[in-house]
Amino acid sequence: MAMTPLERLRRRLTTWYLATFGIILLLLGGGLFAAIRHQLATELDASLQQATTELERAAAIRESEAGLAGHVVDAVDELHIPDRSLYLLHPDGNPIRPDRADTWIQLAGRDAAMRGQADVDHEVPGERTLRLHAGRFVLPSGRALVAVAVADKIELED
């Protein structure tokens, strides 16, 4: 059955409209996905940085309350931030509190001790990705330590 020129024109315009609309939807969806992913990553980084700042503050307060230089180990135990694992490390990466820390956390602590801060993503095979922020700080007594906060990194599927 032969199509009239008007029917051919309608079919071409409909095809062009559908293709254009599909491309616009794909671009809008991709842009929205990228924006949400970036916002989540930014909020997680800010939250981890705030957690290390709170740990630094708690350690300084604990040292001044105890009146003993370097007596800050209770700061980690007293400070609880939901969904965050907190670590207090020596500048060489060895843990103060808790007593154990994974090797990748210790390496990030050493890196932060040298550079001032460190941000690391760590993949737990087959499970999830962890995000770490570590920052070096100095107590009023002059003792240098490293505060570390670790959280699950929210991954949006590509």
N, C-alpha and C. Protein backbone atom coordinates (compact mmCIF):
# COMPACT_ATOMS: atom_id res chain seq x y z
N MET A 1 0.84 -1.17 0.00
CA MET A 1 0.00 0.00 0.00
C MET A 1 0.89 1.24 0.00
N ALA A 2 0.71 2.07 -0.95
CA ALA A 2 1.54 3.27 -1.10
C ALA A 2 1.07 4.35 -0.14
N MET A 3 2.07 5.04 0.41
CA MET A 3 1.75 6.14 1.32
C MET A 3 1.71 7.45 0.53
N THR A 4 0.83 8.29 0.98
CA THR A 4 0.75 9.60 0.36
C THR A 4 1.88 10.47 0.88
N PRO A 5 2.22 11.53 0.16
CA PRO A 5 3.29 12.42 0.64
C PRO A 5 2.99 12.98 2.03
N LEU A 6 1.74 13.24 2.33
CA LEU A 6 1.38 13.77 3.65
C LEU A 6 1.62 12.72 4.74
N GLU A 7 1.31 11.47 4.47
CA GLU A 7 1.55 10.39 5.44
C GLU A 7 3.04 10.19 5.67
N ARG A 8 3.83 10.25 4.59
CA ARG A 8 5.29 10.14 4.73
C ARG A 8 5.84 11.28 5.58
N LEU A 9 5.35 12.49 5.35
CA LEU A 9 5.79 13.64 6.13
C LEU A 9 5.42 13.46 7.60
N ARG A 10 4.21 13.00 7.86
CA ARG A 10 3.78 12.75 9.25
C ARG A 10 4.69 11.71 9.92
N ARG A 11 4.98 10.65 9.20
CA ARG A 11 5.82 9.59 9.77
C ARG A 11 7.24 10.12 10.06
N ARG A 12 7.81 10.88 9.14
CA ARG A 12 9.14 11.46 9.37
C ARG A 12 9.14 12.43 10.54
N LEU A 13 8.14 13.28 10.61
CA LEU A 13 8.06 14.23 11.73
C LEU A 13 7.87 13.52 13.06
N THR A 14 7.06 12.47 13.08
CA THR A 14 6.86 11.70 14.31
C THR A 14 8.16 11.02 14.73
N THR A 15 8.87 10.43 13.79
CA THR A 15 10.15 9.78 14.08
C THR A 15 11.17 10.80 14.60
N TRP A 16 11.23 11.94 13.93
CA TRP A 16 12.16 12.99 14.36
C TRP A 16 11.79 13.49 15.77
N TYR A 17 10.50 13.68 16.04
CA TYR A 17 10.03 14.13 17.35
C TYR A 17 10.41 13.11 18.43
N LEU A 18 10.14 11.83 18.17
CA LEU A 18 10.45 10.79 19.16
C LEU A 18 11.96 10.70 19.42
N ALA A 19 12.76 10.79 18.37
CA ALA A 19 14.22 10.73 18.54
C ALA A 19 14.71 11.94 19.34
N THR A 20 14.22 13.12 19.02
CA THR A 20 14.63 14.34 19.74
C THR A 20 14.21 14.26 21.20
N PHE A 21 12.97 13.84 21.44
CA PHE A 21 12.47 13.72 22.81
C PHE A 21 13.28 12.70 23.60
N GLY A 22 13.63 11.56 22.97
CA GLY A 22 14.45 10.54 23.64
C GLY A 22 15.83 11.06 24.00
N ILE A 23 16.45 11.80 23.09
CA ILE A 23 17.78 12.36 23.36
C ILE A 23 17.71 13.37 24.50
N ILE A 24 16.68 14.21 24.49
CA ILE A 24 16.53 15.19 25.57
C ILE A 24 16.36 14.49 26.91
N LEU A 25 15.53 13.44 26.95
CA LEU A 25 15.34 12.69 28.20
C LEU A 25 16.64 12.04 28.67
N LEU A 26 17.40 11.46 27.75
CA LEU A 26 18.68 10.85 28.12
C LEU A 26 19.66 11.89 28.67
N LEU A 27 19.76 13.04 28.03
CA LEU A 27 20.65 14.10 28.51
C LEU A 27 20.22 14.62 29.86
N LEU A 28 18.92 14.83 30.04
CA LEU A 28 18.41 15.31 31.32
C LEU A 28 18.66 14.29 32.42
N GLY A 29 18.38 13.02 32.13
CA GLY A 29 18.60 11.96 33.12
C GLY A 29 20.07 11.81 33.49
N GLY A 30 20.94 11.86 32.48
CA GLY A 30 22.38 11.76 32.74
C GLY A 30 22.90 12.93 33.56
N GLY A 31 22.42 14.13 33.22
CA GLY A 31 22.84 15.32 33.98
C GLY A 31 22.36 15.26 35.42
N LEU A 32 21.13 14.82 35.62
CA LEU A 32 20.59 14.71 36.98
C LEU A 32 21.35 13.66 37.78
N PHE A 33 21.66 12.53 37.15
CA PHE A 33 22.44 11.48 37.80
C PHE A 33 23.81 12.01 38.23
N ALA A 34 24.50 12.71 37.33
CA ALA A 34 25.82 13.25 37.65
C ALA A 34 25.74 14.27 38.79
N ALA A 35 24.72 15.12 38.77
CA ALA A 35 24.58 16.13 39.82
C ALA A 35 24.32 15.50 41.18
N ILE A 36 23.45 14.50 41.22
CA ILE A 36 23.16 13.82 42.50
C ILE A 36 24.39 13.09 43.01
N ARG A 37 25.09 12.42 42.12
CA ARG A 37 26.31 11.70 42.51
C ARG A 37 27.35 12.65 43.09
N HIS A 38 27.55 13.79 42.44
CA HIS A 38 28.50 14.78 42.92
C HIS A 38 28.07 15.34 44.27
N GLN A 39 26.78 15.62 44.44
CA GLN A 39 26.27 16.17 45.70
C GLN A 39 26.48 15.18 46.85
N LEU A 40 26.20 13.90 46.61
CA LEU A 40 26.39 12.89 47.65
C LEU A 40 27.87 12.78 48.04
N ALA A 41 28.76 12.80 47.07
CA ALA A 41 30.20 12.71 47.35
C ALA A 41 30.67 13.93 48.13
N THR A 42 30.18 15.10 47.77
CA THR A 42 30.56 16.34 48.46
C THR A 42 30.09 16.32 49.91
N GLU A 43 28.84 15.87 50.12
CA GLU A 43 28.29 15.81 51.48
C GLU A 43 29.03 14.79 52.33
N LEU A 44 29.40 13.65 51.75
CA LEU A 44 30.15 12.64 52.50
C LEU A 44 31.52 13.18 52.90
N ASP A 45 32.22 13.83 51.98
CA ASP A 45 33.53 14.40 52.29
C ASP A 45 33.43 15.44 53.40
N ALA A 46 32.41 16.31 53.33
CA ALA A 46 32.23 17.33 54.37
C ALA A 46 31.92 16.69 55.71
N SER A 47 31.12 15.64 55.70
CA SER A 47 30.77 14.94 56.94
C SER A 47 31.99 14.28 57.57
N LEU A 48 32.83 13.66 56.74
CA LEU A 48 34.04 13.02 57.27
C LEU A 48 35.02 14.05 57.81
N GLN A 49 35.14 15.17 57.12
CA GLN A 49 36.03 16.23 57.59
C GLN A 49 35.52 16.80 58.92
N GLN A 50 34.21 16.96 59.05
CA GLN A 50 33.64 17.44 60.31
C GLN A 50 33.86 16.43 61.43
N ALA A 51 33.77 15.14 61.11
CA ALA A 51 33.99 14.11 62.13
C ALA A 51 35.43 14.16 62.65
N THR A 52 36.41 14.34 61.76
CA THR A 52 37.80 14.43 62.22
C THR A 52 38.02 15.71 63.03
N THR A 53 37.35 16.80 62.66
CA THR A 53 37.46 18.04 63.42
C THR A 53 36.90 17.85 64.83
N GLU A 54 35.78 17.15 64.94
CA GLU A 54 35.19 16.88 66.26
C GLU A 54 36.10 15.98 67.08
N LEU A 55 36.75 15.03 66.44
CA LEU A 55 37.69 14.16 67.16
C LEU A 55 38.89 14.96 67.66
N GLU A 56 39.39 15.87 66.84
CA GLU A 56 40.49 16.74 67.26
C GLU A 56 40.08 17.59 68.46
N ARG A 57 38.89 18.15 68.38
CA ARG A 57 38.38 18.99 69.47
C ARG A 57 38.21 18.18 70.75
N ALA A 58 37.65 16.97 70.63
CA ALA A 58 37.46 16.11 71.80
C ALA A 58 38.80 15.71 72.42
N ALA A 59 39.79 15.44 71.58
CA ALA A 59 41.11 15.07 72.09
C ALA A 59 41.75 16.24 72.84
N ALA A 60 41.62 17.45 72.31
CA ALA A 60 42.18 18.62 72.99
C ALA A 60 41.48 18.88 74.32
N ILE A 61 40.15 18.73 74.34
CA ILE A 61 39.40 18.93 75.59
C ILE A 61 39.78 17.86 76.59
N ARG A 62 39.88 16.63 76.14
CA ARG A 62 40.24 15.52 77.05
C ARG A 62 41.62 15.72 77.63
N GLU A 63 42.56 16.21 76.82
CA GLU A 63 43.92 16.46 77.33
C GLU A 63 43.90 17.56 78.39
N SER A 64 43.14 18.63 78.14
CA SER A 64 43.11 19.73 79.11
C SER A 64 42.39 19.32 80.39
N GLU A 65 41.36 18.46 80.28
CA GLU A 65 40.65 17.99 81.48
C GLU A 65 41.53 17.08 82.32
N ALA A 66 42.27 16.22 81.64
CA ALA A 66 43.11 15.25 82.35
C ALA A 66 44.32 15.91 82.98
N GLY A 67 44.75 17.01 82.39
CA GLY A 67 45.92 17.70 82.92
C GLY A 67 47.21 16.96 82.65
N LEU A 68 47.16 15.95 81.83
CA LEU A 68 48.35 15.17 81.50
C LEU A 68 48.60 15.30 80.01
N ALA A 69 49.79 15.66 79.65
CA ALA A 69 50.14 15.78 78.24
C ALA A 69 50.00 14.42 77.57
N GLY A 70 49.24 14.38 76.49
CA GLY A 70 49.13 13.15 75.72
C GLY A 70 48.07 12.19 76.20
N HIS A 71 47.31 12.49 77.25
CA HIS A 71 46.29 11.58 77.76
C HIS A 71 44.96 11.87 77.05
N VAL A 72 44.82 11.36 75.83
CA VAL A 72 43.65 11.68 75.02
C VAL A 72 42.92 10.45 74.49
N VAL A 73 43.32 9.27 74.90
CA VAL A 73 42.78 8.05 74.31
C VAL A 73 41.28 7.92 74.54
N ASP A 74 40.74 8.52 75.59
CA ASP A 74 39.31 8.41 75.86
C ASP A 74 38.47 9.25 74.89
N ALA A 75 39.09 10.15 74.17
CA ALA A 75 38.34 11.02 73.25
C ALA A 75 37.59 10.21 72.21
N VAL A 76 38.20 9.17 71.68
CA VAL A 76 37.54 8.34 70.67
C VAL A 76 36.39 7.57 71.31
N ASP A 77 36.60 7.08 72.52
CA ASP A 77 35.56 6.31 73.19
C ASP A 77 34.36 7.18 73.56
N GLU A 78 34.62 8.43 73.92
CA GLU A 78 33.54 9.33 74.33
C GLU A 78 32.77 9.90 73.15
N LEU A 79 33.42 10.03 72.02
CA LEU A 79 32.80 10.63 70.85
C LEU A 79 32.18 9.53 69.99
N HIS A 80 30.89 9.64 69.75
CA HIS A 80 30.20 8.68 68.88
C HIS A 80 29.47 9.43 67.79
N ILE A 81 29.83 9.15 66.55
CA ILE A 81 29.18 9.74 65.39
C ILE A 81 28.56 8.60 64.60
N PRO A 82 27.24 8.59 64.44
CA PRO A 82 26.58 7.47 63.75
C PRO A 82 27.15 7.22 62.35
N ASP A 83 27.30 5.95 62.02
CA ASP A 83 27.77 5.50 60.71
C ASP A 83 29.19 5.94 60.37
N ARG A 84 29.97 6.29 61.36
CA ARG A 84 31.36 6.68 61.15
C ARG A 84 32.24 5.86 62.10
N SER A 85 33.36 5.38 61.57
CA SER A 85 34.37 4.74 62.40
C SER A 85 35.47 5.75 62.62
N LEU A 86 35.81 5.98 63.88
CA LEU A 86 36.81 6.99 64.23
C LEU A 86 38.07 6.31 64.73
N TYR A 87 39.21 6.88 64.34
CA TYR A 87 40.51 6.36 64.75
C TYR A 87 41.39 7.52 65.18
N LEU A 88 42.18 7.27 66.19
CA LEU A 88 43.21 8.21 66.61
C LEU A 88 44.54 7.50 66.43
N LEU A 89 45.42 8.09 65.62
CA LEU A 89 46.67 7.44 65.26
C LEU A 89 47.87 8.29 65.63
N HIS A 90 49.00 7.61 65.87
CA HIS A 90 50.28 8.30 65.97
C HIS A 90 50.66 8.76 64.57
N PRO A 91 51.54 9.75 64.44
CA PRO A 91 51.96 10.19 63.09
C PRO A 91 52.61 9.09 62.26
N ASP A 92 53.13 8.03 62.90
CA ASP A 92 53.72 6.93 62.14
C ASP A 92 52.65 5.94 61.66
N GLY A 93 51.38 6.21 61.96
CA GLY A 93 50.28 5.36 61.51
C GLY A 93 49.83 4.32 62.50
N ASN A 94 50.58 4.13 63.58
CA ASN A 94 50.18 3.14 64.58
C ASN A 94 48.95 3.63 65.35
N PRO A 95 47.97 2.74 65.56
CA PRO A 95 46.73 3.16 66.21
C PRO A 95 46.89 3.39 67.71
N ILE A 96 46.21 4.43 68.18
CA ILE A 96 46.10 4.68 69.62
C ILE A 96 44.75 4.14 70.09
N ARG A 97 43.70 4.57 69.40
CA ARG A 97 42.34 4.09 69.66
C ARG A 97 41.61 3.97 68.35
N PRO A 98 40.94 2.91 68.10
CA PRO A 98 40.98 1.63 68.80
C PRO A 98 42.36 1.00 68.69
N ASP A 99 42.53 -0.12 69.33
CA ASP A 99 43.84 -0.75 69.40
C ASP A 99 44.34 -1.27 68.05
N ARG A 100 43.41 -1.55 67.15
CA ARG A 100 43.79 -2.08 65.84
C ARG A 100 43.19 -1.21 64.73
N ALA A 101 43.93 -1.13 63.64
CA ALA A 101 43.45 -0.45 62.44
C ALA A 101 43.99 -1.19 61.24
N ASP A 102 43.17 -1.31 60.21
CA ASP A 102 43.62 -1.98 58.99
C ASP A 102 44.83 -1.25 58.41
N THR A 103 45.61 -1.99 57.63
CA THR A 103 46.83 -1.43 57.05
C THR A 103 46.55 -0.21 56.20
N TRP A 104 45.48 -0.23 55.40
CA TRP A 104 45.18 0.92 54.53
C TRP A 104 44.85 2.17 55.34
N ILE A 105 44.28 2.00 56.53
CA ILE A 105 43.98 3.13 57.41
C ILE A 105 45.29 3.68 57.98
N GLN A 106 46.19 2.78 58.39
CA GLN A 106 47.48 3.21 58.91
C GLN A 106 48.29 3.96 57.84
N LEU A 107 48.26 3.46 56.61
CA LEU A 107 48.98 4.13 55.52
C LEU A 107 48.40 5.52 55.26
N ALA A 108 47.07 5.64 55.30
CA ALA A 108 46.44 6.94 55.11
C ALA A 108 46.80 7.88 56.26
N GLY A 109 46.91 7.34 57.47
CA GLY A 109 47.32 8.14 58.62
C GLY A 109 48.74 8.67 58.46
N ARG A 110 49.64 7.82 57.99
CA ARG A 110 51.02 8.27 57.73
C ARG A 110 51.05 9.36 56.67
N ASP A 111 50.26 9.16 55.62
CA ASP A 111 50.19 10.14 54.54
C ASP A 111 49.66 11.48 55.07
N ALA A 112 48.63 11.42 55.91
CA ALA A 112 48.08 12.65 56.49
C ALA A 112 49.09 13.32 57.42
N ALA A 113 49.87 12.52 58.13
CA ALA A 113 50.88 13.09 59.03
C ALA A 113 51.92 13.87 58.24
N MET A 114 52.25 13.39 57.04
CA MET A 114 53.24 14.08 56.21
C MET A 114 52.65 15.27 55.46
N ARG A 115 51.43 15.10 54.91
CA ARG A 115 50.85 16.12 54.05
C ARG A 115 49.84 17.04 54.72
N GLY A 116 49.40 16.69 55.91
CA GLY A 116 48.39 17.49 56.60
C GLY A 116 47.02 16.85 56.57
N GLN A 117 46.68 16.22 55.45
CA GLN A 117 45.41 15.50 55.37
C GLN A 117 45.47 14.49 54.23
N ALA A 118 44.54 13.55 54.27
CA ALA A 118 44.47 12.53 53.22
C ALA A 118 43.02 12.10 53.04
N ASP A 119 42.63 11.89 51.80
CA ASP A 119 41.32 11.35 51.46
C ASP A 119 41.54 10.12 50.59
N VAL A 120 40.95 8.99 51.01
CA VAL A 120 41.21 7.72 50.35
C VAL A 120 39.90 6.96 50.16
N ASP A 121 39.74 6.33 48.99
CA ASP A 121 38.67 5.36 48.76
C ASP A 121 39.29 3.98 48.84
N HIS A 122 38.61 3.07 49.54
CA HIS A 122 39.13 1.71 49.69
C HIS A 122 38.01 0.72 49.34
N GLU A 123 38.30 -0.15 48.39
CA GLU A 123 37.33 -1.15 47.98
C GLU A 123 37.49 -2.40 48.84
N VAL A 124 36.41 -2.81 49.49
CA VAL A 124 36.39 -4.08 50.20
C VAL A 124 35.89 -5.09 49.17
N PRO A 125 36.73 -6.05 48.79
CA PRO A 125 36.38 -6.95 47.68
C PRO A 125 35.01 -7.60 47.85
N GLY A 126 34.19 -7.41 46.82
CA GLY A 126 32.88 -8.04 46.79
C GLY A 126 31.85 -7.45 47.73
N GLU A 127 32.19 -6.38 48.45
CA GLU A 127 31.24 -5.85 49.42
C GLU A 127 30.85 -4.41 49.14
N ARG A 128 31.77 -3.50 49.42
CA ARG A 128 31.42 -2.07 49.35
C ARG A 128 32.68 -1.25 49.21
N THR A 129 32.50 0.05 49.08
CA THR A 129 33.62 0.98 49.03
C THR A 129 33.57 1.86 50.27
N LEU A 130 34.71 2.04 50.90
CA LEU A 130 34.81 2.89 52.09
C LEU A 130 35.52 4.18 51.71
N ARG A 131 35.13 5.28 52.33
CA ARG A 131 35.75 6.59 52.11
C ARG A 131 36.38 7.00 53.44
N LEU A 132 37.61 7.49 53.38
CA LEU A 132 38.36 7.87 54.56
C LEU A 132 38.83 9.31 54.43
N HIS A 133 38.76 10.03 55.54
CA HIS A 133 39.40 11.35 55.63
C HIS A 133 40.28 11.32 56.88
N ALA A 134 41.53 11.72 56.72
CA ALA A 134 42.47 11.78 57.84
C ALA A 134 43.08 13.17 57.89
N GLY A 135 43.26 13.67 59.10
CA GLY A 135 43.86 14.98 59.26
C GLY A 135 44.83 15.01 60.44
N ARG A 136 45.99 15.62 60.21
CA ARG A 136 46.98 15.78 61.28
C ARG A 136 46.58 16.98 62.12
N PHE A 137 46.80 16.87 63.44
CA PHE A 137 46.56 18.00 64.33
C PHE A 137 47.56 17.96 65.48
N VAL A 138 47.69 19.09 66.14
CA VAL A 138 48.63 19.20 67.25
C VAL A 138 47.85 19.58 68.49
N LEU A 139 48.06 18.83 69.57
CA LEU A 139 47.41 19.10 70.85
C LEU A 139 48.06 20.31 71.52
N PRO A 140 47.38 20.91 72.49
CA PRO A 140 47.98 22.04 73.21
C PRO A 140 49.34 21.71 73.84
N SER A 141 49.56 20.43 74.15
CA SER A 141 50.84 20.02 74.73
C SER A 141 51.96 19.97 73.68
N GLY A 142 51.59 20.08 72.40
CA GLY A 142 52.58 20.03 71.33
C GLY A 142 52.68 18.66 70.67
N ARG A 143 51.95 17.71 71.17
CA ARG A 143 51.98 16.35 70.62
C ARG A 143 51.15 16.30 69.33
N ALA A 144 51.73 15.76 68.27
CA ALA A 144 51.03 15.63 66.99
C ALA A 144 50.34 14.27 66.92
N LEU A 145 49.11 14.26 66.43
CA LEU A 145 48.33 13.05 66.23
C LEU A 145 47.60 13.15 64.90
N VAL A 146 46.97 12.04 64.52
CA VAL A 146 46.17 12.02 63.29
C VAL A 146 44.78 11.51 63.64
N ALA A 147 43.77 12.28 63.23
CA ALA A 147 42.37 11.89 63.40
C ALA A 147 41.88 11.31 62.08
N VAL A 148 41.17 10.17 62.15
CA VAL A 148 40.70 9.50 60.96
C VAL A 148 39.21 9.18 61.12
N ALA A 149 38.43 9.44 60.08
CA ALA A 149 37.02 9.06 60.04
C ALA A 149 36.80 8.24 58.78
N VAL A 150 36.05 7.13 58.92
CA VAL A 150 35.78 6.23 57.81
C VAL A 150 34.28 6.00 57.73
N ALA A 151 33.74 5.97 56.51
CA ALA A 151 32.31 5.70 56.31
C ALA A 151 32.12 4.95 55.00
N ASP A 152 30.96 4.32 54.89
CA ASP A 152 30.58 3.68 53.61
C ASP A 152 30.36 4.77 52.58
N LYS A 153 30.93 4.56 51.42
CA LYS A 153 30.72 5.49 50.32
C LYS A 153 29.49 5.03 49.54
N ILE A 154 28.56 5.91 49.38
CA ILE A 154 27.34 5.58 48.66
C ILE A 154 27.65 5.57 47.17
N GLU A 155 27.45 4.43 46.57
CA GLU A 155 27.74 4.29 45.14
C GLU A 155 26.43 4.23 44.38
N LEU A 156 26.26 5.11 43.43
CA LEU A 156 25.13 5.02 42.52
C LEU A 156 25.59 4.21 41.33
N GLU A 157 24.78 3.27 40.92
CA GLU A 157 25.14 2.40 39.79
C GLU A 157 25.12 3.20 38.50
N ASP A 158 26.14 2.99 37.68
CA ASP A 158 26.20 3.65 36.37
C ASP A 158 25.23 3.02 35.41
